[in-house]
PDB file of N, CA and C in Angstrom:
ATOM      1  N   ILE A   1      -2.946  20.558  -2.535  1.00  0.00           N
ATOM      2  CA  ILE A   1      -2.667  19.398  -1.341  1.00  0.00           C
ATOM      3  C   ILE A   1      -1.571  18.682  -1.669  1.00  0.00           C
ATOM      4  N   ASN A   2      -0.632  18.975  -0.684  1.00  0.00           N
ATOM      5  CA  ASN A   2       0.722  17.952  -0.604  1.00  0.00           C
ATOM      6  C   ASN A   2       0.219  16.651   0.074  1.00  0.00           C
ATOM      7  N   CYS A   3       0.604  15.539  -0.758  1.00  0.00           N
ATOM      8  CA  CYS A   3       0.311  14.332  -0.153  1.00  0.00           C
ATOM      9  C   CYS A   3       1.190  13.135  -0.715  1.00  0.00           C
ATOM     10  N   GLU A   4       1.113  12.144  -0.075  1.00  0.00           N
ATOM     11  CA  GLU A   4       1.583  11.054  -0.228  1.00  0.00           C
ATOM     12  C   GLU A   4       0.879   9.746  -0.850  1.00  0.00           C
ATOM     13  N   TYR A   5       1.360   9.047  -1.637  1.00  0.00           N
ATOM     14  CA  TYR A   5       0.104   7.926  -2.484  1.00  0.00           C
ATOM     15  C   TYR A   5       0.771   6.718  -1.936  1.00  0.00           C
ATOM     16  N   PHE A   6      -0.581   5.989  -1.774  1.00  0.00           N
ATOM     17  CA  PHE A   6      -0.610   4.557  -1.080  1.00  0.00           C
ATOM     18  C   PHE A   6      -1.385   3.573  -2.081  1.00  0.00           C
ATOM     19  N   VAL A   7      -0.887   2.468  -2.374  1.00  0.00           N
ATOM     20  CA  VAL A   7      -1.638   1.476  -3.237  1.00  0.00           C
ATOM     21  C   VAL A   7      -2.143   0.513  -2.452  1.00  0.00           C
ATOM     22  N   GLN A   8      -3.198  -0.223  -2.665  1.00  0.00           N
ATOM     23  CA  GLN A   8      -3.606  -1.155  -2.056  1.00  0.00           C
ATOM     24  C   GLN A   8      -3.494  -2.489  -2.706  1.00  0.00           C
ATOM     25  N   SER A   9      -2.391  -3.433  -2.629  1.00  0.00           N
ATOM     26  CA  SER A   9      -2.049  -4.504  -3.413  1.00  0.00           C
ATOM     27  C   SER A   9      -2.643  -5.879  -3.002  1.00  0.00           C
ATOM     28  N   GLY A  10      -3.801  -6.164  -2.110  1.00  0.00           N
ATOM     29  CA  GLY A  10      -4.680  -7.135  -2.003  1.00  0.00           C
ATOM     30  C   GLY A  10      -5.297  -7.018  -0.688  1.00  0.00           C
ATOM     31  N   SER A  11      -6.232  -8.040  -0.582  1.00  0.00           N
ATOM     32  CA  SER A  11      -6.990  -8.099   0.528  1.00  0.00           C
ATOM     33  C   SER A  11      -7.161  -9.553   0.869  1.00  0.00           C
ATOM     34  N   PHE A  12      -6.833 -10.111   2.045  1.00  0.00           N
ATOM     35  CA  PHE A  12      -6.935 -11.323   2.435  1.00  0.00           C
ATOM     36  C   PHE A  12      -8.017 -11.656   3.761  1.00  0.00           C
ATOM     37  N   LYS A  13      -8.388 -13.000   3.901  1.00  0.00           N
ATOM     38  CA  LYS A  13      -8.976 -13.288   4.818  1.00  0.00           C
ATOM     39  C   LYS A  13      -8.367 -13.712   6.196  1.00  0.00           C
ATOM     40  N   SER A  14      -6.726 -13.769   5.997  1.00  0.00           N
ATOM     41  CA  SER A  14      -6.087 -14.329   7.153  1.00  0.00           C
ATOM     42  C   SER A  14      -4.972 -13.325   7.016  1.00  0.00           C
ATOM     43  N   LYS A  15      -4.507 -13.129   8.148  1.00  0.00           N
ATOM     44  CA  LYS A  15      -3.433 -12.058   8.534  1.00  0.00           C
ATOM     45  C   LYS A  15      -1.930 -12.664   7.859  1.00  0.00           C
ATOM     46  N   LYS A  16      -1.849 -14.061   8.110  1.00  0.00           N
ATOM     47  CA  LYS A  16      -0.724 -14.770   7.617  1.00  0.00           C
ATOM     48  C   LYS A  16      -0.573 -14.663   6.341  1.00  0.00           C
ATOM     49  N   ALA A  17      -1.571 -14.830   5.349  1.00  0.00           N
ATOM     50  CA  ALA A  17      -1.686 -14.630   4.025  1.00  0.00           C
ATOM     51  C   ALA A  17      -1.327 -13.073   3.494  1.00  0.00           C
ATOM     52  N   ALA A  18      -1.747 -12.160   4.308  1.00  0.00           N
ATOM     53  CA  ALA A  18      -1.444 -10.789   3.805  1.00  0.00           C
ATOM     54  C   ALA A  18       0.007 -10.521   4.275  1.00  0.00           C
ATOM     55  N   GLU A  19       0.395 -11.124   5.247  1.00  0.00           N
ATOM     56  CA  GLU A  19       2.104 -10.982   5.864  1.00  0.00           C
ATOM     57  C   GLU A  19       2.741 -11.725   4.594  1.00  0.00           C
ATOM     58  N   SER A  20       2.388 -12.747   4.101  1.00  0.00           N
ATOM     59  CA  SER A  20       3.203 -13.502   3.056  1.00  0.00           C
ATOM     60  C   SER A  20       3.403 -12.456   1.502  1.00  0.00           C
ATOM     61  N   GLN A  21       2.161 -11.665   1.509  1.00  0.00           N
ATOM     62  CA  GLN A  21       2.417 -10.954   0.487  1.00  0.00           C
ATOM     63  C   GLN A  21       3.196  -9.742   0.737  1.00  0.00           C
ATOM     64  N   VAL A  22       3.425  -9.117   1.922  1.00  0.00           N
ATOM     65  CA  VAL A  22       4.263  -8.028   2.312  1.00  0.00           C
ATOM     66  C   VAL A  22       5.605  -8.557   2.092  1.00  0.00           C
ATOM     67  N   LYS A  23       5.829  -9.957   2.790  1.00  0.00           N
ATOM     68  CA  LYS A  23       7.382 -10.478   2.376  1.00  0.00           C
ATOM     69  C   LYS A  23       7.702 -10.418   0.952  1.00  0.00           C
ATOM     70  N   GLN A  24       6.767 -10.803  -0.052  1.00  0.00           N
ATOM     71  CA  GLN A  24       7.187 -10.756  -1.307  1.00  0.00           C
ATOM     72  C   GLN A  24       7.316  -9.374  -1.804  1.00  0.00           C
ATOM     73  N   LEU A  25       6.668  -8.350  -1.326  1.00  0.00           N
ATOM     74  CA  LEU A  25       6.958  -7.081  -1.645  1.00  0.00           C
ATOM     75  C   LEU A  25       8.217  -6.584  -1.452  1.00  0.00           C
ATOM     76  N   GLU A  26       8.793  -6.838  -0.049  1.00  0.00           N
ATOM     77  CA  GLU A  26       9.847  -6.407   0.491  1.00  0.00           C
ATOM     78  C   GLU A  26      11.186  -7.139  -0.389  1.00  0.00           C
ATOM     79  N   GLN A  27      10.760  -8.240  -1.157  1.00  0.00           N
ATOM     80  CA  GLN A  27      11.767  -8.811  -1.894  1.00  0.00           C
ATOM     81  C   GLN A  27      12.185  -8.057  -3.305  1.00  0.00           C
ATOM     82  N   ILE A  28      11.113  -7.251  -3.598  1.00  0.00           N
ATOM     83  CA  ILE A  28      11.171  -6.323  -4.643  1.00  0.00           C
ATOM     84  C   ILE A  28      11.374  -4.839  -4.432  1.00  0.00           C
ATOM     85  N   ASN A  29      11.694  -4.767  -3.345  1.00  0.00           N
ATOM     86  CA  ASN A  29      12.093  -3.129  -2.571  1.00  0.00           C
ATOM     87  C   ASN A  29      11.091  -2.370  -2.273  1.00  0.00           C
ATOM     88  N   TYR A  30       9.884  -2.841  -2.016  1.00  0.00           N
ATOM     89  CA  TYR A  30       8.503  -1.997  -1.752  1.00  0.00           C
ATOM     90  C   TYR A  30       8.142  -2.113  -0.249  1.00  0.00           C
ATOM     91  N   LEU A  31       7.820  -1.371   0.396  1.00  0.00           N
ATOM     92  CA  LEU A  31       7.620  -1.153   1.820  1.00  0.00           C
ATOM     93  C   LEU A  31       6.008  -1.245   1.796  1.00  0.00           C
ATOM     94  N   ALA A  32       5.702  -2.380   2.366  1.00  0.00           N
ATOM     95  CA  ALA A  32       4.213  -2.624   2.568  1.00  0.00           C
ATOM     96  C   ALA A  32       3.870  -2.909   4.105  1.00  0.00           C
ATOM     97  N   THR A  33       2.538  -2.757   4.538  1.00  0.00           N
ATOM     98  CA  THR A  33       2.047  -2.757   5.882  1.00  0.00           C
ATOM     99  C   THR A  33       0.872  -3.847   5.942  1.00  0.00           C
ATOM    100  N   VAL A  34       0.386  -4.269   6.690  1.00  0.00           N
ATOM    101  CA  VAL A  34      -0.977  -4.986   6.728  1.00  0.00           C
ATOM    102  C   VAL A  34      -1.829  -4.080   7.612  1.00  0.00           C
ATOM    103  N   GLU A  35      -3.055  -3.685   7.171  1.00  0.00           N
ATOM    104  CA  GLU A  35      -4.118  -3.271   7.903  1.00  0.00           C
ATOM    105  C   GLU A  35      -5.219  -4.112   8.018  1.00  0.00           C
ATOM    106  N   ASN A  36      -5.735  -3.905   9.287  1.00  0.00           N
ATOM    107  CA  ASN A  36      -7.010  -4.704   9.672  1.00  0.00           C
ATOM    108  C   ASN A  36      -8.206  -3.679   9.357  1.00  0.00           C
ATOM    109  N   VAL A  37      -9.243  -4.328   8.441  1.00  0.00           N
ATOM    110  CA  VAL A  37     -10.386  -3.295   8.311  1.00  0.00           C
ATOM    111  C   VAL A  37     -11.529  -4.279   8.311  1.00  0.00           C
ATOM    112  N   GLU A  38     -12.690  -3.629   8.474  1.00  0.00           N
ATOM    113  CA  GLU A  38     -14.098  -4.111   8.450  1.00  0.00           C
ATOM    114  C   GLU A  38     -14.411  -4.475   7.026  1.00  0.00           C
ATOM    115  N   SER A  39     -14.886  -5.724   6.989  1.00  0.00           N
ATOM    116  CA  SER A  39     -15.221  -6.267   5.578  1.00  0.00           C
ATOM    117  C   SER A  39     -16.446  -7.221   5.741  1.00  0.00           C
ATOM    118  N   ALA A  40     -17.471  -6.893   4.606  1.00  0.00           N
ATOM    119  CA  ALA A  40     -18.571  -7.552   4.578  1.00  0.00           C
ATOM    120  C   ALA A  40     -18.286  -9.101   4.303  1.00  0.00           C
ATOM    121  N   ASN A  41     -17.153  -9.257   3.467  1.00  0.00           N
ATOM    122  CA  ASN A  41     -17.019 -10.673   2.867  1.00  0.00           C
ATOM    123  C   ASN A  41     -15.569 -11.320   3.523  1.00  0.00           C
ATOM    124  N   ASN A  42     -15.322 -10.746   4.633  1.00  0.00           N
ATOM    125  CA  ASN A  42     -14.529 -11.556   5.583  1.00  0.00           C
ATOM    126  C   ASN A  42     -12.979 -11.290   5.132  1.00  0.00           C
ATOM    127  N   PHE A  43     -12.680 -10.536   4.094  1.00  0.00           N
ATOM    128  CA  PHE A  43     -11.440 -10.212   3.446  1.00  0.00           C
ATOM    129  C   PHE A  43     -10.888  -8.970   4.502  1.00  0.00           C
ATOM    130  N   ASN A  44     -10.776  -9.328   5.907  1.00  0.00           N
ATOM    131  CA  ASN A  44     -10.416  -8.286   6.796  1.00  0.00           C
ATOM    132  C   ASN A  44      -8.925  -7.744   6.827  1.00  0.00           C
ATOM    133  N   TYR A  45      -8.114  -8.220   5.779  1.00  0.00           N
ATOM    134  CA  TYR A  45      -6.536  -7.847   5.925  1.00  0.00           C
ATOM    135  C   TYR A  45      -6.414  -7.374   4.727  1.00  0.00           C
ATOM    136  N   ILE A  46      -5.811  -6.077   4.608  1.00  0.00           N
ATOM    137  CA  ILE A  46      -5.364  -5.266   3.449  1.00  0.00           C
ATOM    138  C   ILE A  46      -3.797  -5.005   3.434  1.00  0.00           C
ATOM    139  N   VAL A  47      -3.160  -5.132   2.361  1.00  0.00           N
ATOM    140  CA  VAL A  47      -1.821  -4.859   2.196  1.00  0.00           C
ATOM    141  C   VAL A  47      -1.822  -3.417   1.267  1.00  0.00           C
ATOM    142  N   ILE A  48      -1.119  -2.445   1.987  1.00  0.00           N
ATOM    143  CA  ILE A  48      -0.896  -1.116   1.712  1.00  0.00           C
ATOM    144  C   ILE A  48       0.536  -0.857   1.335  1.00  0.00           C
ATOM    145  N   VAL A  49       0.783  -0.605   0.330  1.00  0.00           N
ATOM    146  CA  VAL A  49       2.071  -0.388  -0.220  1.00  0.00           C
ATOM    147  C   VAL A  49       2.376   1.416  -0.460  1.00  0.00           C
ATOM    148  N   GLY A  50       3.842   1.685   0.192  1.00  0.00           N
ATOM    149  CA  GLY A  50       3.794   3.118  -0.045  1.00  0.00           C
ATOM    150  C   GLY A  50       4.507   3.587   1.150  1.00  0.00           C
ATOM    151  N   PRO A  51       4.692   4.894   1.317  1.00  0.00           N
ATOM    152  CA  PRO A  51       4.241   5.976   0.478  1.00  0.00           C
ATOM    153  C   PRO A  51       5.000   6.285  -0.790  1.00  0.00           C
ATOM    154  N   PHE A  52       4.471   6.980  -1.725  1.00  0.00           N
ATOM    155  CA  PHE A  52       4.900   7.209  -3.241  1.00  0.00           C
ATOM    156  C   PHE A  52       4.806   8.577  -3.306  1.00  0.00           C
ATOM    157  N   ARG A  53       5.806   9.272  -3.993  1.00  0.00           N
ATOM    158  CA  ARG A  53       5.555  10.632  -4.054  1.00  0.00           C
ATOM    159  C   ARG A  53       4.645  11.254  -5.104  1.00  0.00           C
ATOM    160  N   ASN A  54       4.474  10.424  -6.100  1.00  0.00           N
ATOM    161  CA  ASN A  54       3.370  10.651  -7.151  1.00  0.00           C
ATOM    162  C   ASN A  54       2.752   9.829  -7.716  1.00  0.00           C
ATOM    163  N   LYS A  55       1.706  10.138  -8.641  1.00  0.00           N
ATOM    164  CA  LYS A  55       1.192   8.944  -9.243  1.00  0.00           C
ATOM    165  C   LYS A  55       2.066   8.302 -10.232  1.00  0.00           C
ATOM    166  N   SER A  56       2.848   8.852 -10.803  1.00  0.00           N
ATOM    167  CA  SER A  56       3.898   8.181 -11.897  1.00  0.00           C
ATOM    168  C   SER A  56       4.528   6.832 -11.072  1.00  0.00           C
ATOM    169  N   GLN A  57       5.015   6.859  -9.648  1.00  0.00           N
ATOM    170  CA  GLN A  57       5.634   5.948  -9.199  1.00  0.00           C
ATOM    171  C   GLN A  57       4.684   5.095  -8.574  1.00  0.00           C
ATOM    172  N   THR A  58       3.444   5.204  -8.306  1.00  0.00           N
ATOM    173  CA  THR A  58       2.509   4.438  -8.251  1.00  0.00           C
ATOM    174  C   THR A  58       2.039   3.523  -9.135  1.00  0.00           C
ATOM    175  N   ASN A  59       2.142   4.099 -10.454  1.00  0.00           N
ATOM    176  CA  ASN A  59       1.632   3.306 -11.807  1.00  0.00           C
ATOM    177  C   ASN A  59       2.827   2.415 -12.100  1.00  0.00           C
ATOM    178  N   ASN A  60       4.059   2.887 -11.693  1.00  0.00           N
ATOM    179  CA  ASN A  60       5.228   1.830 -12.060  1.00  0.00           C
ATOM    180  C   ASN A  60       5.080   0.884 -11.156  1.00  0.00           C
ATOM    181  N   ALA A  61       4.738   1.049  -9.653  1.00  0.00           N
ATOM    182  CA  ALA A  61       4.681  -0.097  -8.677  1.00  0.00           C
ATOM    183  C   ALA A  61       3.486  -1.072  -9.367  1.00  0.00           C
ATOM    184  N   ARG A  62       2.344  -0.316  -9.688  1.00  0.00           N
ATOM    185  CA  ARG A  62       1.199  -1.388  -9.903  1.00  0.00           C
ATOM    186  C   ARG A  62       1.715  -2.321 -11.168  1.00  0.00           C
ATOM    187  N   GLU A  63       2.301  -1.808 -11.976  1.00  0.00           N
ATOM    188  CA  GLU A  63       2.954  -2.770 -13.099  1.00  0.00           C
ATOM    189  C   GLU A  63       3.759  -3.713 -12.610  1.00  0.00           C
ATOM    190  N   ASP A  64       4.746  -3.433 -11.537  1.00  0.00           N
ATOM    191  CA  ASP A  64       5.412  -4.392 -10.968  1.00  0.00           C
ATOM    192  C   ASP A  64       4.543  -5.481 -10.622  1.00  0.00           C
ATOM    193  N   PHE A  65       3.719  -4.944  -9.693  1.00  0.00           N
ATOM    194  CA  PHE A  65       2.670  -5.893  -8.937  1.00  0.00           C
ATOM    195  C   PHE A  65       1.978  -7.138 -10.147  1.00  0.00           C
ATOM    196  N   ARG A  66       1.736  -6.456 -11.165  1.00  0.00           N
ATOM    197  CA  ARG A  66       0.657  -7.245 -12.149  1.00  0.00           C
ATOM    198  C   ARG A  66       1.921  -8.260 -12.537  1.00  0.00           C
ATOM    199  N   ARG A  67       2.942  -7.946 -12.916  1.00  0.00           N
ATOM    200  CA  ARG A  67       3.903  -8.805 -13.288  1.00  0.00           C
ATOM    201  C   ARG A  67       4.134 -10.095 -12.556  1.00  0.00           C
ATOM    202  N   LEU A  68       3.789 -10.134 -11.241  1.00  0.00           N
ATOM    203  CA  LEU A  68       3.863 -10.798 -10.101  1.00  0.00           C
ATOM    204  C   LEU A  68       2.484 -11.317  -9.973  1.00  0.00           C
ATOM    205  N   ASN A  69       1.432 -11.009 -10.631  1.00  0.00           N
ATOM    206  CA  ASN A  69       0.035 -11.569 -10.429  1.00  0.00           C
ATOM    207  C   ASN A  69      -0.803 -11.027  -9.259  1.00  0.00           C
ATOM    208  N   MET A  70      -0.137  -9.689  -8.718  1.00  0.00           N
ATOM    209  CA  MET A  70      -0.891  -9.123  -7.618  1.00  0.00           C
ATOM    210  C   MET A  70      -1.779  -8.401  -8.163  1.00  0.00           C
ATOM    211  N   ASP A  71      -2.949  -8.371  -7.608  1.00  0.00           N
ATOM    212  CA  ASP A  71      -4.000  -7.085  -7.929  1.00  0.00           C
ATOM    213  C   ASP A  71      -3.607  -5.988  -7.106  1.00  0.00           C
ATOM    214  N   SER A  72      -4.174  -4.817  -7.621  1.00  0.00           N
ATOM    215  CA  SER A  72      -3.882  -3.570  -7.076  1.00  0.00           C
ATOM    216  C   SER A  72      -4.945  -2.796  -7.315  1.00  0.00           C
ATOM    217  N   LEU A  73      -5.255  -1.723  -6.199  1.00  0.00           N
ATOM    218  CA  LEU A  73      -6.456  -0.746  -6.511  1.00  0.00           C
ATOM    219  C   LEU A  73      -5.646   0.512  -6.975  1.00  0.00           C
ATOM    220  N   PRO A  74      -6.471   1.503  -7.699  1.00  0.00           N
ATOM    221  CA  PRO A  74      -5.774   2.809  -7.849  1.00  0.00           C
ATOM    222  C   PRO A  74      -5.281   3.661  -6.766  1.00  0.00           C
ATOM    223  N   PRO A  75      -4.410   4.204  -6.820  1.00  0.00           N
ATOM    224  CA  PRO A  75      -3.829   5.030  -5.688  1.00  0.00           C
ATOM    225  C   PRO A  75      -4.679   5.958  -5.058  1.00  0.00           C
ATOM    226  N   LYS A  76      -4.132   6.138  -3.645  1.00  0.00           N
ATOM    227  CA  LYS A  76      -5.045   7.006  -2.894  1.00  0.00           C
ATOM    228  C   LYS A  76      -4.151   8.235  -2.392  1.00  0.00           C
ATOM    229  N   CYS A  77      -4.458   9.435  -2.112  1.00  0.00           N
ATOM    230  CA  CYS A  77      -3.745  10.473  -1.395  1.00  0.00           C
ATOM    231  C   CYS A  77      -3.967  10.597  -0.174  1.00  0.00           C
ATOM    232  N   ARG A  78      -2.902  10.759   0.600  1.00  0.00           N
ATOM    233  CA  ARG A  78      -3.080  10.939   1.847  1.00  0.00           C
ATOM    234  C   ARG A  78      -2.409  12.186   2.313  1.00  0.00           C
ATOM    235  N   GLU A  79      -3.311  13.193   2.648  1.00  0.00           N
ATOM    236  CA  GLU A  79      -2.578  14.744   2.710  1.00  0.00           C
ATOM    237  C   GLU A  79      -1.493  14.622   3.896  1.00  0.00           C
ATOM    238  N   ILE A  80      -0.212  15.349   3.442  1.00  0.00           N
ATOM    239  CA  ILE A  80       0.837  15.409   4.280  1.00  0.00           C
ATOM    240  C   ILE A  80       0.572  16.533   5.553  1.00  0.00           C
ATOM    241  N   LYS A  81       0.551  16.544   6.480  1.00  0.00           N
ATOM    242  CA  LYS A  81       0.360  17.472   7.815  1.00  0.00           C
ATOM    243  C   LYS A  81       1.818  18.371   7.900  1.00  0.00           C
ATOM    244  N   ASN A  82       2.068  19.397   7.806  1.00  0.00           N
ATOM    245  CA  ASN A  82       3.156  20.186   8.087  1.00  0.00           C
ATOM    246  C   ASN A  82       3.331  20.677   9.406  1.00  0.00           C
ATOM    247  N   GLU A  83       2.788  20.027  10.497  1.00  0.00           N
ATOM    248  CA  GLU A  83       2.780  20.694  11.835  1.00  0.00           C
ATOM    249  C   GLU A  83       4.149  20.828  12.402  1.00  0.00           C
ATOM    250  N   LEU A  84       4.793  19.700  12.205  1.00  0.00           N
ATOM    251  CA  LEU A  84       6.257  19.672  12.913  1.00  0.00           C
ATOM    252  C   LEU A  84       7.335  20.134  12.030  1.00  0.00           C
ATOM    253  N   LYS A  85       6.994  21.263  11.234  1.00  0.00           N
ATOM    254  CA  LYS A  85       7.952  21.705   9.957  1.00  0.00           C
ATOM    255  C   LYS A  85       9.178  22.390  10.759  1.00  0.00           C
ATOM    256  N   SER A  86       8.659  23.118  11.933  1.00  0.00           N
ATOM    257  CA  SER A  86       9.898  24.219  12.225  1.00  0.00           C
ATOM    258  C   SER A  86       9.927  23.581  13.758  1.00  0.00           C
ATOM    259  N   ILE A  87      11.044  23.051  14.087  1.00  0.00           N
ATOM    260  CA  ILE A  87      11.407  22.485  15.542  1.00  0.00           C
ATOM    261  C   ILE A  87      12.699  23.439  15.828  1.00  0.00           C
ATOM    262  N   GLN A  88      12.585  24.347  16.956  1.00  0.00           N
ATOM    263  CA  GLN A  88      13.665  25.162  17.435  1.00  0.00           C
ATOM    264  C   GLN A  88      14.224  24.614  18.434  1.00  0.00           C
TER     265      GLN A  88
END
């Protein structure tokens, strides 16, 4: 499977708090986005970082997050679809 890896670096009750973490991540050159999710405990905003090419890159990123006192979850692989590969 050809995939890109993404890491969740936090979950928040407010979109504003999630966006604040996105800004922090951008300052250390990581691309992050806020996703709205259903959650039983009202932490409805998660911060997703990536994509990364491999697990090694995600591990390096998670170490950077740890140094900034940010939690992160293990990486998830999202399969890359090759549907638009050949455009004539």
